[in-house]
Amino acid sequence: MSPGAEKRRHGAGARVIFIAGLCLVTLVFAGLGIWQVQRRSWKLDLIARVEQRLTAPPVAAPGPAQWAGITVAADEYRRVALQGRYLEVPETLTMAVTERGPGFWVLAPFQADAGFTVIVNRGFVPEGRRAPDERRKVAGGEARVVGLLRLSEPDGGFLRANDPAAGRWYSRDVAAIAQARGLGQVAPYFVDADAATEPGPLPQGGMTQVSFRNTHLVYALTWLCLALMSAGAAGYLIRGTPEEPLES
């Protein structure tokens, strides 16, 4: 076989491998695009369900018998109501960034008449007004709380871990807060009090930020465009000028 024929043979083999690789990449890109379309459908359904929960009448906050079955998809942002009293335990301030600027969420333990303890997020206080005498006192008296059920936020936040010993909290980790305050077992969720429960001025309730990142359509179009481009490149190579017959 002449040197030219040997070169063409190697070139043809490399071309076949390259076309096969493009076909594989096309399948991967198309699969990712279809997955993003499915994720978008799931996200839109979740948003619709949450919007219904935000305007629904409040239901009784779930008790211990229901705690194991609580999930984000089924329960997050559900409007709930509690009747009972706040415990005379120091409130816990967790870092917050809101439309009013930086500050803290005020978390207080609430003993429900049904016999269990829930951490209630009473609302927001600005950074310079965190002192207890700056906000309305509630401990000891009978109270009704209406708000949104939120699942615990373990592992800290703002790229920082909670430091209970130093009293620095970056997320609303109810289990860690309960342990630090000696509360025993508490609900695996907290309740964001609404503006009717905590009308302000301090703390200010009803400031839950309900938003969902939904960029699945952009990702789907990106992946599907890449799939079309790689498929086009493979088709171009397949339809290319045939190789000259190999010499023996």
Protein backbone atom coordinates (compact mmCIF):
# COMPACT_ATOMS: atom_id res chain seq x y z
CA MET A 1 0.00 0.00 0.00
CA SER A 2 1.35 3.41 -0.98
CA PRO A 3 2.01 6.11 1.63
CA GLY A 4 -0.89 8.17 0.22
CA ALA A 5 -3.32 5.27 0.53
CA GLU A 6 -2.18 4.60 4.09
CA LYS A 7 -2.75 8.23 4.97
CA ARG A 8 -6.25 8.19 3.47
CA ARG A 9 -7.06 4.99 5.36
CA HIS A 10 -6.09 6.59 8.69
CA GLY A 11 -8.02 9.72 7.75
CA ALA A 12 -11.16 7.72 7.01
CA GLY A 13 -10.89 5.90 10.34
CA ALA A 14 -10.49 9.16 12.25
CA ARG A 15 -13.48 10.60 10.39
CA VAL A 16 -15.69 7.67 11.39
CA ILE A 17 -14.64 8.02 15.03
CA PHE A 18 -15.31 11.77 14.94
CA ILE A 19 -18.77 11.26 13.42
CA ALA A 20 -19.57 8.63 16.06
CA GLY A 21 -18.46 11.03 18.77
CA LEU A 22 -20.68 13.79 17.36
CA CYS A 23 -23.66 11.41 17.29
CA LEU A 24 -23.04 10.47 20.93
CA VAL A 25 -22.72 14.12 21.94
CA THR A 26 -25.97 14.88 20.09
CA LEU A 27 -27.81 12.24 22.09
CA VAL A 28 -26.37 13.59 25.36
CA PHE A 29 -27.33 17.19 24.53
CA ALA A 30 -30.82 16.16 23.45
CA GLY A 31 -31.28 14.16 26.65
CA LEU A 32 -30.24 17.13 28.77
CA GLY A 33 -32.64 19.38 26.84
CA ILE A 34 -35.57 16.99 27.37
CA TRP A 35 -34.67 16.72 31.08
CA GLN A 36 -34.76 20.50 31.42
CA VAL A 37 -38.18 20.61 29.74
CA GLN A 38 -39.40 18.08 32.31
CA ARG A 39 -37.84 20.08 35.14
CA ARG A 40 -39.58 23.22 33.87
CA SER A 41 -42.94 21.46 33.93
CA TRP A 42 -42.26 20.30 37.51
CA LYS A 43 -41.21 23.82 38.57
CA LEU A 44 -44.30 25.46 37.06
CA ASP A 45 -46.50 22.94 38.85
CA LEU A 46 -44.70 23.65 42.14
CA ILE A 47 -45.13 27.42 41.68
CA ALA A 48 -48.85 26.97 40.99
CA ARG A 49 -49.28 24.83 44.12
CA VAL A 50 -47.39 27.31 46.30
CA GLU A 51 -49.47 30.23 45.00
CA GLN A 52 -52.61 28.33 45.99
CA ARG A 53 -51.20 27.71 49.47
CA LEU A 54 -50.38 31.38 50.00
CA THR A 55 -54.03 32.39 49.65
CA ALA A 56 -55.67 29.34 51.27
CA PRO A 57 -57.25 29.55 54.74
CA PRO A 58 -54.82 28.49 57.49
CA VAL A 59 -54.95 24.94 58.79
CA ALA A 60 -53.75 23.58 62.12
CA ALA A 61 -49.97 23.29 62.28
CA PRO A 62 -48.96 19.62 61.96
CA GLY A 63 -48.27 17.81 65.20
CA PRO A 64 -45.72 15.08 66.04
CA ALA A 65 -47.76 12.30 64.38
CA GLN A 66 -47.37 14.12 61.04
CA TRP A 67 -43.79 15.30 61.28
CA ALA A 68 -42.20 12.32 59.54
CA GLY A 69 -44.28 12.91 56.42
CA ILE A 70 -43.58 16.63 55.99
CA THR A 71 -41.85 17.46 52.69
CA VAL A 72 -40.94 20.57 50.73
CA ALA A 73 -43.18 19.63 47.80
CA ALA A 74 -46.24 18.93 49.95
CA ASP A 75 -45.92 21.41 52.82
CA GLU A 76 -43.52 24.31 52.20
CA TYR A 77 -45.32 27.68 52.37
CA ARG A 78 -48.56 26.13 53.62
CA ARG A 79 -50.54 28.58 55.77
CA VAL A 80 -50.87 27.24 59.31
CA ALA A 81 -52.23 28.46 62.64
CA LEU A 82 -51.06 27.87 66.21
CA GLN A 83 -52.75 28.62 69.51
CA GLY A 84 -50.66 28.69 72.68
CA ARG A 85 -48.00 30.84 74.24
CA TYR A 86 -44.43 31.93 73.71
CA LEU A 87 -41.95 30.40 76.12
CA GLU A 88 -39.88 32.62 78.37
CA VAL A 89 -36.65 31.68 76.61
CA PRO A 90 -34.23 34.13 74.96
CA GLU A 91 -35.06 34.72 71.32
CA THR A 92 -32.57 33.72 68.65
CA LEU A 93 -31.52 36.15 65.94
CA THR A 94 -30.50 34.76 62.56
CA MET A 95 -28.91 36.78 59.80
CA ALA A 96 -31.29 38.11 57.13
CA VAL A 97 -31.06 40.14 53.95
CA THR A 98 -34.39 41.62 52.89
CA GLU A 99 -35.89 44.39 50.78
CA ARG A 100 -35.39 46.59 53.84
CA GLY A 101 -31.70 45.83 53.96
CA PRO A 102 -29.62 43.61 56.26
CA GLY A 103 -30.78 42.60 59.69
CA PHE A 104 -32.08 39.61 61.61
CA TRP A 105 -35.02 37.25 61.87
CA VAL A 106 -36.33 36.97 65.41
CA LEU A 107 -36.96 33.32 66.30
CA ALA A 108 -38.94 32.45 69.43
CA PRO A 109 -40.08 29.07 70.82
CA PHE A 110 -43.86 28.66 70.94
CA GLN A 111 -45.67 26.08 73.06
CA ALA A 112 -48.82 25.02 71.23
CA ASP A 113 -51.93 24.08 73.20
CA ALA A 114 -51.79 20.79 71.28
CA GLY A 115 -48.71 19.88 73.33
CA PHE A 116 -45.69 20.44 71.09
CA THR A 117 -43.12 23.19 70.58
CA VAL A 118 -42.59 25.11 67.35
CA ILE A 119 -40.00 27.74 66.52
CA VAL A 120 -41.78 30.87 65.27
CA ASN A 121 -40.06 33.46 63.12
CA ARG A 122 -41.68 36.57 64.53
CA GLY A 123 -40.27 38.77 61.78
CA PHE A 124 -37.50 41.12 60.79
CA VAL A 125 -35.48 43.68 62.76
CA PRO A 126 -32.87 45.98 61.17
CA GLU A 127 -29.20 45.46 61.90
CA GLY A 128 -28.93 48.37 64.33
CA ARG A 129 -32.04 47.49 66.34
CA ARG A 130 -31.43 43.98 67.59
CA ALA A 131 -31.71 44.73 71.33
CA PRO A 132 -34.64 42.91 73.04
CA ASP A 133 -36.11 46.17 74.41
CA GLU A 134 -36.51 47.41 70.82
CA ARG A 135 -39.27 44.90 70.02
CA ARG A 136 -42.73 43.99 71.27
CA LYS A 137 -42.74 41.59 74.24
CA VAL A 138 -44.80 38.41 73.88
CA ALA A 139 -43.43 35.81 76.32
CA GLY A 140 -45.85 34.35 78.84
CA GLY A 141 -49.20 35.42 77.36
CA GLU A 142 -51.74 33.47 75.35
CA ALA A 143 -51.25 34.07 71.65
CA ARG A 144 -52.38 32.97 68.21
CA VAL A 145 -49.87 32.70 65.40
CA VAL A 146 -50.78 32.49 61.72
CA GLY A 147 -48.06 32.16 59.13
CA LEU A 148 -46.25 30.05 56.57
CA LEU A 149 -44.76 26.65 57.31
CA ARG A 150 -41.07 26.54 56.41
CA LEU A 151 -38.71 23.59 56.67
CA SER A 152 -35.61 23.79 58.82
CA GLU A 153 -32.43 25.21 57.29
CA PRO A 154 -29.52 23.12 58.58
CA ASP A 155 -25.84 23.62 57.73
CA GLY A 156 -25.80 27.38 58.03
CA GLY A 157 -26.03 29.97 55.28
CA PHE A 158 -24.27 32.92 53.66
CA LEU A 159 -21.37 30.51 53.10
CA ARG A 160 -20.92 30.30 56.89
CA ALA A 161 -21.72 27.61 59.42
CA ASN A 162 -23.86 28.41 62.44
CA ASP A 163 -21.85 28.95 65.62
CA PRO A 164 -24.25 28.31 68.55
CA ALA A 165 -21.54 28.72 71.19
CA ALA A 166 -20.83 32.26 69.99
CA GLY A 167 -24.49 33.04 69.32
CA ARG A 168 -23.94 33.54 65.60
CA TRP A 169 -26.72 32.13 63.42
CA TYR A 170 -26.76 32.29 59.64
CA SER A 171 -29.72 29.99 59.00
CA ARG A 172 -32.90 28.91 60.76
CA ASP A 173 -31.75 25.47 61.88
CA VAL A 174 -34.54 24.58 64.33
CA ALA A 175 -32.87 21.45 65.73
CA ALA A 176 -29.63 23.32 66.50
CA ILE A 177 -31.53 26.27 68.00
CA ALA A 178 -33.60 23.92 70.16
CA GLN A 179 -30.45 22.21 71.44
CA ALA A 180 -28.73 25.53 72.16
CA ARG A 181 -31.78 26.78 74.09
CA GLY A 182 -32.47 23.50 75.90
CA LEU A 183 -35.93 23.14 74.38
CA GLY A 184 -35.92 19.40 73.84
CA GLN A 185 -37.80 18.08 70.84
CA VAL A 186 -39.32 20.68 68.52
CA ALA A 187 -41.17 20.53 65.22
CA PRO A 188 -38.91 19.96 62.18
CA TYR A 189 -40.22 23.19 60.72
CA PHE A 190 -40.64 26.81 61.75
CA VAL A 191 -43.48 29.23 61.08
CA ASP A 192 -42.99 32.61 59.45
CA ALA A 193 -45.53 34.82 61.25
CA ASP A 194 -47.68 36.94 58.94
CA ALA A 195 -48.20 40.69 59.14
CA ALA A 196 -51.49 40.31 61.04
CA THR A 197 -49.74 38.30 63.76
CA GLU A 198 -46.70 40.59 63.91
CA PRO A 199 -47.80 43.98 62.51
CA GLY A 200 -44.62 45.70 63.61
CA PRO A 201 -42.97 48.05 63.80
CA LEU A 202 -40.52 45.59 65.39
CA PRO A 203 -40.33 42.82 64.63
CA GLN A 204 -42.09 43.08 61.29
CA GLY A 205 -43.89 39.93 60.21
CA GLY A 206 -45.17 38.97 56.78
CA MET A 207 -41.83 39.45 55.03
CA THR A 208 -41.36 35.92 53.73
CA GLN A 209 -39.67 36.06 50.35
CA VAL A 210 -41.41 33.54 48.10
CA SER A 211 -39.48 33.15 44.88
CA PHE A 212 -38.42 30.26 42.70
CA ARG A 213 -35.52 30.31 40.27
CA ASN A 214 -36.94 29.10 36.96
CA THR A 215 -34.35 29.15 34.18
CA HIS A 216 -35.14 25.69 32.85
CA LEU A 217 -36.46 27.01 29.52
CA VAL A 218 -33.19 28.82 28.84
CA TYR A 219 -31.19 25.71 29.70
CA ALA A 220 -33.49 23.52 27.59
CA LEU A 221 -33.08 25.77 24.54
CA THR A 222 -29.32 25.89 25.06
CA TRP A 223 -28.96 22.10 25.22
CA LEU A 224 -31.30 21.52 22.27
CA CYS A 225 -29.44 24.10 20.16
CA LEU A 226 -26.17 22.36 20.95
CA ALA A 227 -27.79 19.06 19.96
CA LEU A 228 -28.85 20.54 16.60
CA MET A 229 -25.39 21.98 16.01
CA SER A 230 -23.62 18.69 16.74
CA ALA A 231 -26.16 16.77 14.64
CA GLY A 232 -25.60 19.24 11.79
CA ALA A 233 -21.84 18.80 12.04
CA ALA A 234 -22.23 15.01 11.95
CA GLY A 235 -24.55 15.25 8.94
CA TYR A 236 -22.10 17.51 7.13
CA LEU A 237 -19.30 15.02 7.60
CA ILE A 238 -21.49 12.09 6.55
CA ARG A 239 -22.55 13.90 3.36
CA GLY A 240 -19.03 15.07 2.63
CA THR A 241 -17.06 14.26 -0.52
CA PRO A 242 -16.39 10.46 -0.66
CA GLU A 243 -12.88 9.33 -0.16
CA GLU A 244 -10.94 8.21 -3.22
CA PRO A 245 -10.69 4.40 -3.60
CA LEU A 246 -7.88 2.97 -1.57
CA GLU A 247 -4.96 1.60 -3.55
CA SER A 248 -3.83 -1.95 -2.84
